[in-house]
Structure formats: C-alpha cells, structure tokens
Amino acid sequence: MTAPRLPPIPARAWSRAAREAIAILSEEASRMGLDPSDDRHVHNLPATQLHHPELMKRYYPFLDFLLREGSLPARSRELAILRVAWLRQAEYEWTQHVLIARSIGLADDEIARLTGPFDPRAWKPLDALVVQAAEELIGSARLSDETWNGLASHLDHRQMVELIHVVGNYDMIAMFMNATAMALEDGLDDARFDRFVRKGAN
C-alpha cells in the first residue's frame, strides 16, 4: 500500500473532542519548549487515532505512563518494543523507537541484533530474557517457567507486570499501524528496517 487507509487529521480539522484528546500531547510539547498550538509535534500515530478521539483520550494516559512514569528500566522497555515491532513488521513503530532507543544509549549494532532470528548468546542475561519474553508473548500469549523465573531474578513484581503490558500494548499499536497502513514520518531513513537488516547481516 502506498497511501494510508486513514489519513492523519491535521490541526485545522480537529474537533473539540479531538483537541481535548490531544491535550496530553500539548502538555508534553510545552514541557519540551515547543508551541503546543503547532501541530508539527503531533506525529502520524496520534493524528490518525484522532479518528476516535474518545478512545484516544482514555488511551494516551496509559501510554504516557508506560513511556515516562513506569518502573521498568528504559533499556528493557525499548528492547521489548523494538522486538515486537520487528516481529510484527511494524516499521512506523520501529522507526519511532529506534530514535528513543538511541536517546537512552542503545547502539545501532544492538538494535540491528533485534532483527532476524534471536540469539540469546549475543546479549547480557536480562536483555536476553526481555527479548525472549517478547518472543514468547507474541508467539503464544504465555511465558515459559524458565523465562518467568529468569526475569523474576532481575525484576520486581511491578516491573514484571509492566513488561507484559508493554509487549501487549505495543503489539496492539503495531496492529493499528499496519492495519491502517500508517505512513512513516519524514526524515527517518536512517531508522528504517533495511538499514538495520543490512548491518545485522554484516
């Protein structure tokens, strides 16, 4: 598909309900020193979800919690999300979280290892367990005793609960992105799948 099935809704067409739904993003923009009335900070994902503003208004506080307020280590969160994005071939999700992963210190060669078959020997123990958990949850909606017990030796109960919700949430978002044929943001060529697949093959 070359065109999105649901076009992002531009600011000039936002309804009152849409503006209420987007308020959480406007607060974030203000914290970052951006003009909250400028819709250039609103990416295609929220601008597409605005086709259902009532749902978005309830969903974004949950998403914001997972990304900014949770207790799961950011590295573990991003490893899990990127593996979900690869397994679901959700390139929009992948490109956005490559940017986040880089910002918290993941190297491009680590990100490249999240493409293709998973080799736990290439990772530190917690990293390997997190990626394995994403594999198992996506594949069967379950965690093996080995994976669960391994994670429990590194994470507390709150973090275990968060990890499962992170995988489930970003699987759902991947479905939304793929089903709506969401267009990638401009200027992210160096974060696309093919760049990392090539690196991973070297």
C-alpha atoms as a PDB file:
ATOM      1  CA  MET A   1       0.000   0.000   0.000  1.00  0.00           C
ATOM      2  CA  THR A   2       1.283   3.462  -0.865  1.00  0.00           C
ATOM      3  CA  ALA A   3      -1.331   5.612   0.884  1.00  0.00           C
ATOM      4  CA  PRO A   4      -2.656   5.382   4.437  1.00  0.00           C
ATOM      5  CA  ARG A   5      -6.131   3.953   4.801  1.00  0.00           C
ATOM      6  CA  LEU A   6      -6.873   6.551   7.479  1.00  0.00           C
ATOM      7  CA  PRO A   7      -5.196   9.910   6.792  1.00  0.00           C
ATOM      8  CA  PRO A   8      -3.808  11.770   9.829  1.00  0.00           C
ATOM      9  CA  ILE A   9      -6.170  14.563  10.857  1.00  0.00           C
ATOM     10  CA  PRO A  10      -4.433  17.980  10.650  1.00  0.00           C
ATOM     11  CA  ALA A  11      -4.856  20.561  13.404  1.00  0.00           C
ATOM     12  CA  ARG A  12      -7.101  22.768  11.258  1.00  0.00           C
ATOM     13  CA  ALA A  13      -9.656  19.928  11.164  1.00  0.00           C
ATOM     14  CA  TRP A  14      -9.569  18.967  14.850  1.00  0.00           C
ATOM     15  CA  SER A  15     -12.944  18.881  16.532  1.00  0.00           C
ATOM     16  CA  ARG A  16     -13.423  19.994  20.125  1.00  0.00           C
ATOM     17  CA  ALA A  17     -13.279  16.344  21.193  1.00  0.00           C
ATOM     18  CA  ALA A  18     -10.037  15.923  19.244  1.00  0.00           C
ATOM     19  CA  ARG A  19      -8.489  18.951  20.942  1.00  0.00           C
ATOM     20  CA  GLU A  20      -9.422  17.549  24.331  1.00  0.00           C
ATOM     21  CA  ALA A  21      -7.910  14.214  23.376  1.00  0.00           C
ATOM     22  CA  ILE A  22      -4.683  15.787  22.188  1.00  0.00           C
ATOM     23  CA  ALA A  23      -4.224  17.776  25.416  1.00  0.00           C
ATOM     24  CA  ILE A  24      -1.749  15.285  26.870  1.00  0.00           C
ATOM     25  CA  LEU A  25       0.500  15.765  23.832  1.00  0.00           C
ATOM     26  CA  SER A  26       0.196  19.533  24.139  1.00  0.00           C
ATOM     27  CA  GLU A  27       1.345  19.299  27.763  1.00  0.00           C
ATOM     28  CA  GLU A  28       4.321  17.233  26.646  1.00  0.00           C
ATOM     29  CA  ALA A  29       5.134  19.747  23.906  1.00  0.00           C
ATOM     30  CA  SER A  30       5.059  22.578  26.447  1.00  0.00           C
ATOM     31  CA  ARG A  31       7.472  20.675  28.694  1.00  0.00           C
ATOM     32  CA  MET A  32       9.827  20.352  25.715  1.00  0.00           C
ATOM     33  CA  GLY A  33       9.651  24.094  24.981  1.00  0.00           C
ATOM     34  CA  LEU A  34       7.509  23.648  21.857  1.00  0.00           C
ATOM     35  CA  ASP A  35       4.454  25.672  20.906  1.00  0.00           C
ATOM     36  CA  PRO A  36       1.518  23.420  21.862  1.00  0.00           C
ATOM     37  CA  SER A  37      -0.669  25.036  19.199  1.00  0.00           C
ATOM     38  CA  ASP A  38       1.753  23.914  16.460  1.00  0.00           C
ATOM     39  CA  ASP A  39       0.631  20.508  15.205  1.00  0.00           C
ATOM     40  CA  ARG A  40       4.056  19.674  13.774  1.00  0.00           C
ATOM     41  CA  HIS A  41       4.884  17.948  17.074  1.00  0.00           C
ATOM     42  CA  VAL A  42       1.846  15.675  16.622  1.00  0.00           C
ATOM     43  CA  HIS A  43       3.049  12.587  14.794  1.00  0.00           C
ATOM     44  CA  ASN A  44       1.035  10.413  12.450  1.00  0.00           C
ATOM     45  CA  LEU A  45       0.088   7.935  15.173  1.00  0.00           C
ATOM     46  CA  PRO A  46      -1.908  10.305  17.404  1.00  0.00           C
ATOM     47  CA  ALA A  47      -3.134  12.294  14.402  1.00  0.00           C
ATOM     48  CA  THR A  48      -4.567   9.050  12.989  1.00  0.00           C
ATOM     49  CA  GLN A  49      -6.004   7.909  16.317  1.00  0.00           C
ATOM     50  CA  LEU A  50      -7.932  11.182  16.399  1.00  0.00           C
ATOM     51  CA  HIS A  51     -10.475   9.481  14.146  1.00  0.00           C
ATOM     52  CA  HIS A  52     -11.699   8.154  17.525  1.00  0.00           C
ATOM     53  CA  PRO A  53     -10.940  10.961  19.995  1.00  0.00           C
ATOM     54  CA  GLU A  54     -12.897   9.453  22.885  1.00  0.00           C
ATOM     55  CA  LEU A  55     -10.790   6.297  22.755  1.00  0.00           C
ATOM     56  CA  MET A  56      -7.569   8.273  22.348  1.00  0.00           C
ATOM     57  CA  LYS A  57      -8.364  10.482  25.350  1.00  0.00           C
ATOM     58  CA  ARG A  58      -8.560   7.390  27.532  1.00  0.00           C
ATOM     59  CA  TYR A  59      -5.648   5.553  25.917  1.00  0.00           C
ATOM     60  CA  TYR A  60      -2.895   8.166  25.977  1.00  0.00           C
ATOM     61  CA  PRO A  61      -2.556   8.454  29.774  1.00  0.00           C
ATOM     62  CA  PHE A  62      -1.807   4.711  29.813  1.00  0.00           C
ATOM     63  CA  LEU A  63       0.726   5.029  27.005  1.00  0.00           C
ATOM     64  CA  ASP A  64       2.319   8.052  28.677  1.00  0.00           C
ATOM     65  CA  PHE A  65       2.656   6.081  31.916  1.00  0.00           C
ATOM     66  CA  LEU A  66       4.440   3.199  30.200  1.00  0.00           C
ATOM     67  CA  LEU A  67       6.860   5.548  28.433  1.00  0.00           C
ATOM     68  CA  ARG A  68       7.568   8.125  31.147  1.00  0.00           C
ATOM     69  CA  GLU A  69       6.464   7.003  34.587  1.00  0.00           C
ATOM     70  CA  GLY A  70       6.902   3.245  34.721  1.00  0.00           C
ATOM     71  CA  SER A  71       9.435   1.385  36.851  1.00  0.00           C
ATOM     72  CA  LEU A  72      10.662  -0.962  34.105  1.00  0.00           C
ATOM     73  CA  PRO A  73      14.195   0.041  33.033  1.00  0.00           C
ATOM     74  CA  ALA A  74      14.053   2.101  29.849  1.00  0.00           C
ATOM     75  CA  ARG A  75      16.552  -0.212  28.152  1.00  0.00           C
ATOM     76  CA  SER A  76      14.379  -3.256  28.829  1.00  0.00           C
ATOM     77  CA  ARG A  77      11.278  -1.406  27.651  1.00  0.00           C
ATOM     78  CA  GLU A  78      12.843  -0.382  24.353  1.00  0.00           C
ATOM     79  CA  LEU A  79      14.363  -3.800  23.673  1.00  0.00           C
ATOM     80  CA  ALA A  80      10.923  -5.340  24.122  1.00  0.00           C
ATOM     81  CA  ILE A  81       9.190  -2.731  21.940  1.00  0.00           C
ATOM     82  CA  LEU A  82      11.716  -2.988  19.120  1.00  0.00           C
ATOM     83  CA  ARG A  83      11.469  -6.772  19.068  1.00  0.00           C
ATOM     84  CA  VAL A  84       7.674  -6.534  18.917  1.00  0.00           C
ATOM     85  CA  ALA A  85       7.974  -4.033  16.060  1.00  0.00           C
ATOM     86  CA  TRP A  86      10.293  -6.376  14.174  1.00  0.00           C
ATOM     87  CA  LEU A  87       8.168  -9.484  14.764  1.00  0.00           C
ATOM     88  CA  ARG A  88       5.036  -7.623  13.627  1.00  0.00           C
ATOM     89  CA  GLN A  89       6.906  -5.855  10.801  1.00  0.00           C
ATOM     90  CA  ALA A  90       5.547  -2.539  12.061  1.00  0.00           C
ATOM     91  CA  GLU A  91       8.049  -0.151  10.524  1.00  0.00           C
ATOM     92  CA  TYR A  92       6.415   3.009  11.852  1.00  0.00           C
ATOM     93  CA  GLU A  93       6.722   1.663  15.401  1.00  0.00           C
ATOM     94  CA  TRP A  94      10.283   0.531  14.685  1.00  0.00           C
ATOM     95  CA  THR A  95      11.483   3.910  13.390  1.00  0.00           C
ATOM     96  CA  GLN A  96       9.981   5.851  16.291  1.00  0.00           C
ATOM     97  CA  HIS A  97      11.517   3.549  18.880  1.00  0.00           C
ATOM     98  CA  VAL A  98      14.896   3.432  17.180  1.00  0.00           C
ATOM     99  CA  LEU A  99      15.018   7.160  17.975  1.00  0.00           C
ATOM    100  CA  ILE A 100      14.033   6.567  21.590  1.00  0.00           C
ATOM    101  CA  ALA A 101      16.426   3.626  21.940  1.00  0.00           C
ATOM    102  CA  ARG A 102      19.315   5.699  20.650  1.00  0.00           C
ATOM    103  CA  SER A 103      18.417   8.504  23.054  1.00  0.00           C
ATOM    104  CA  ILE A 104      18.787   6.183  26.065  1.00  0.00           C
ATOM    105  CA  GLY A 105      22.076   4.716  24.904  1.00  0.00           C
ATOM    106  CA  LEU A 106      21.335   1.659  22.747  1.00  0.00           C
ATOM    107  CA  ALA A 107      23.901   1.346  19.969  1.00  0.00           C
ATOM    108  CA  ASP A 108      22.908   0.694  16.375  1.00  0.00           C
ATOM    109  CA  ASP A 109      24.668  -2.684  16.395  1.00  0.00           C
ATOM    110  CA  GLU A 110      22.491  -3.727  19.360  1.00  0.00           C
ATOM    111  CA  ILE A 111      19.374  -2.544  17.562  1.00  0.00           C
ATOM    112  CA  ALA A 112      20.439  -4.496  14.473  1.00  0.00           C
ATOM    113  CA  ARG A 113      20.584  -7.677  16.582  1.00  0.00           C
ATOM    114  CA  LEU A 114      16.846  -7.333  17.180  1.00  0.00           C
ATOM    115  CA  THR A 115      16.186  -8.131  13.514  1.00  0.00           C
ATOM    116  CA  GLY A 116      16.200 -11.680  12.196  1.00  0.00           C
ATOM    117  CA  PRO A 117      16.478 -14.784  14.401  1.00  0.00           C
ATOM    118  CA  PHE A 118      17.062 -14.122  18.092  1.00  0.00           C
ATOM    119  CA  ASP A 119      20.349 -15.358  19.560  1.00  0.00           C
ATOM    120  CA  PRO A 120      20.325 -15.042  23.381  1.00  0.00           C
ATOM    121  CA  ARG A 121      24.075 -15.660  23.489  1.00  0.00           C
ATOM    122  CA  ALA A 122      24.608 -12.207  21.967  1.00  0.00           C
ATOM    123  CA  TRP A 123      23.025 -10.443  24.956  1.00  0.00           C
ATOM    124  CA  LYS A 124      23.564  -9.907  28.660  1.00  0.00           C
ATOM    125  CA  PRO A 125      21.235 -12.097  30.782  1.00  0.00           C
ATOM    126  CA  LEU A 126      18.478  -9.546  31.490  1.00  0.00           C
ATOM    127  CA  ASP A 127      18.479  -8.258  27.911  1.00  0.00           C
ATOM    128  CA  ALA A 128      18.185 -11.799  26.577  1.00  0.00           C
ATOM    129  CA  LEU A 129      15.318 -12.606  28.932  1.00  0.00           C
ATOM    130  CA  VAL A 130      13.414  -9.457  27.969  1.00  0.00           C
ATOM    131  CA  VAL A 131      13.710 -10.200  24.251  1.00  0.00           C
ATOM    132  CA  GLN A 132      12.806 -13.843  24.869  1.00  0.00           C
ATOM    133  CA  ALA A 133       9.743 -12.710  26.824  1.00  0.00           C
ATOM    134  CA  ALA A 134       8.633 -10.562  23.888  1.00  0.00           C
ATOM    135  CA  GLU A 135       9.107 -13.555  21.570  1.00  0.00           C
ATOM    136  CA  GLU A 136       7.037 -15.850  23.769  1.00  0.00           C
ATOM    137  CA  LEU A 137       4.250 -13.367  24.458  1.00  0.00           C
ATOM    138  CA  ILE A 138       3.869 -12.537  20.772  1.00  0.00           C
ATOM    139  CA  GLY A 139       4.048 -16.201  19.782  1.00  0.00           C
ATOM    140  CA  SER A 140       1.766 -17.795  22.385  1.00  0.00           C
ATOM    141  CA  ALA A 141       0.486 -15.129  24.842  1.00  0.00           C
ATOM    142  CA  ARG A 142       2.374 -17.060  27.537  1.00  0.00           C
ATOM    143  CA  LEU A 143       5.733 -17.077  29.295  1.00  0.00           C
ATOM    144  CA  SER A 144       7.650 -20.279  29.938  1.00  0.00           C
ATOM    145  CA  ASP A 145       8.651 -21.103  33.514  1.00  0.00           C
ATOM    146  CA  GLU A 146      12.283 -20.656  32.522  1.00  0.00           C
ATOM    147  CA  THR A 147      11.688 -17.155  31.170  1.00  0.00           C
ATOM    148  CA  TRP A 148       9.423 -16.132  34.041  1.00  0.00           C
ATOM    149  CA  ASN A 149      11.806 -17.350  36.720  1.00  0.00           C
ATOM    150  CA  GLY A 150      14.765 -15.788  34.942  1.00  0.00           C
ATOM    151  CA  LEU A 151      13.049 -12.420  34.733  1.00  0.00           C
ATOM    152  CA  ALA A 152      11.998 -12.671  38.383  1.00  0.00           C
ATOM    153  CA  SER A 153      15.663 -12.855  39.383  1.00  0.00           C
ATOM    154  CA  HIS A 154      16.196  -9.380  37.845  1.00  0.00           C
ATOM    155  CA  LEU A 155      12.837  -7.579  38.052  1.00  0.00           C
ATOM    156  CA  ASP A 156      10.365  -6.969  40.850  1.00  0.00           C
ATOM    157  CA  HIS A 157       6.661  -7.738  40.551  1.00  0.00           C
ATOM    158  CA  ARG A 158       5.711  -4.257  39.342  1.00  0.00           C
ATOM    159  CA  GLN A 159       8.339  -4.429  36.610  1.00  0.00           C
ATOM    160  CA  MET A 160       7.173  -7.893  35.566  1.00  0.00           C
ATOM    161  CA  VAL A 161       3.596  -6.607  35.246  1.00  0.00           C
ATOM    162  CA  GLU A 162       4.819  -3.610  33.244  1.00  0.00           C
ATOM    163  CA  LEU A 163       6.869  -5.731  30.861  1.00  0.00           C
ATOM    164  CA  ILE A 164       3.823  -7.824  29.946  1.00  0.00           C
ATOM    165  CA  HIS A 165       1.757  -4.676  29.429  1.00  0.00           C
ATOM    166  CA  VAL A 166       4.494  -3.065  27.323  1.00  0.00           C
ATOM    167  CA  VAL A 167       4.605  -6.058  24.984  1.00  0.00           C
ATOM    168  CA  GLY A 168       0.814  -6.246  24.778  1.00  0.00           C
ATOM    169  CA  ASN A 169       0.383  -2.512  24.259  1.00  0.00           C
ATOM    170  CA  TYR A 170       2.961  -2.226  21.500  1.00  0.00           C
ATOM    171  CA  ASP A 171       1.610  -5.330  19.810  1.00  0.00           C
ATOM    172  CA  MET A 172      -1.782  -3.609  19.728  1.00  0.00           C
ATOM    173  CA  ILE A 173      -0.244  -0.409  18.364  1.00  0.00           C
ATOM    174  CA  ALA A 174       1.626  -2.420  15.726  1.00  0.00           C
ATOM    175  CA  MET A 175      -1.702  -3.889  14.616  1.00  0.00           C
ATOM    176  CA  PHE A 176      -3.205  -0.413  14.363  1.00  0.00           C
ATOM    177  CA  MET A 177      -0.265   0.940  12.377  1.00  0.00           C
ATOM    178  CA  ASN A 178      -0.160  -1.985   9.979  1.00  0.00           C
ATOM    179  CA  ALA A 179      -3.937  -2.231   9.533  1.00  0.00           C
ATOM    180  CA  THR A 180      -4.242   1.488   8.739  1.00  0.00           C
ATOM    181  CA  ALA A 181      -1.119   1.467   6.501  1.00  0.00           C
ATOM    182  CA  MET A 182       0.292   4.367   8.508  1.00  0.00           C
ATOM    183  CA  ALA A 183       2.854   6.462   6.644  1.00  0.00           C
ATOM    184  CA  LEU A 184       6.334   6.889   8.115  1.00  0.00           C
ATOM    185  CA  GLU A 185       7.398  10.286   9.379  1.00  0.00           C
ATOM    186  CA  ASP A 186       9.721  12.246   7.087  1.00  0.00           C
ATOM    187  CA  GLY A 187      13.451  12.238   7.713  1.00  0.00           C
ATOM    188  CA  LEU A 188      13.782   8.822   9.341  1.00  0.00           C
ATOM    189  CA  ASP A 189      15.566   6.913   6.569  1.00  0.00           C
ATOM    190  CA  ASP A 190      18.434   6.036   8.885  1.00  0.00           C
ATOM    191  CA  ALA A 191      15.993   4.319  11.274  1.00  0.00           C
ATOM    192  CA  ARG A 192      14.205   2.086   8.757  1.00  0.00           C
ATOM    193  CA  PHE A 193      14.264  -1.710   8.780  1.00  0.00           C
ATOM    194  CA  ASP A 194      16.535  -2.113   5.762  1.00  0.00           C
ATOM    195  CA  ARG A 195      19.374  -0.146   7.340  1.00  0.00           C
ATOM    196  CA  PHE A 196      19.475  -2.462  10.343  1.00  0.00           C
ATOM    197  CA  VAL A 197      18.893  -5.675   8.435  1.00  0.00           C
ATOM    198  CA  ARG A 198      21.915  -4.851   6.255  1.00  0.00           C
ATOM    199  CA  LYS A 199      24.007  -4.118   9.325  1.00  0.00           C
ATOM    200  CA  GLY A 200      22.837  -7.293  11.022  1.00  0.00           C
ATOM    201  CA  ALA A 201      23.903  -9.336   8.008  1.00  0.00           C
ATOM    202  CA  ASN A 202      27.466  -7.978   8.035  1.00  0.00           C
END
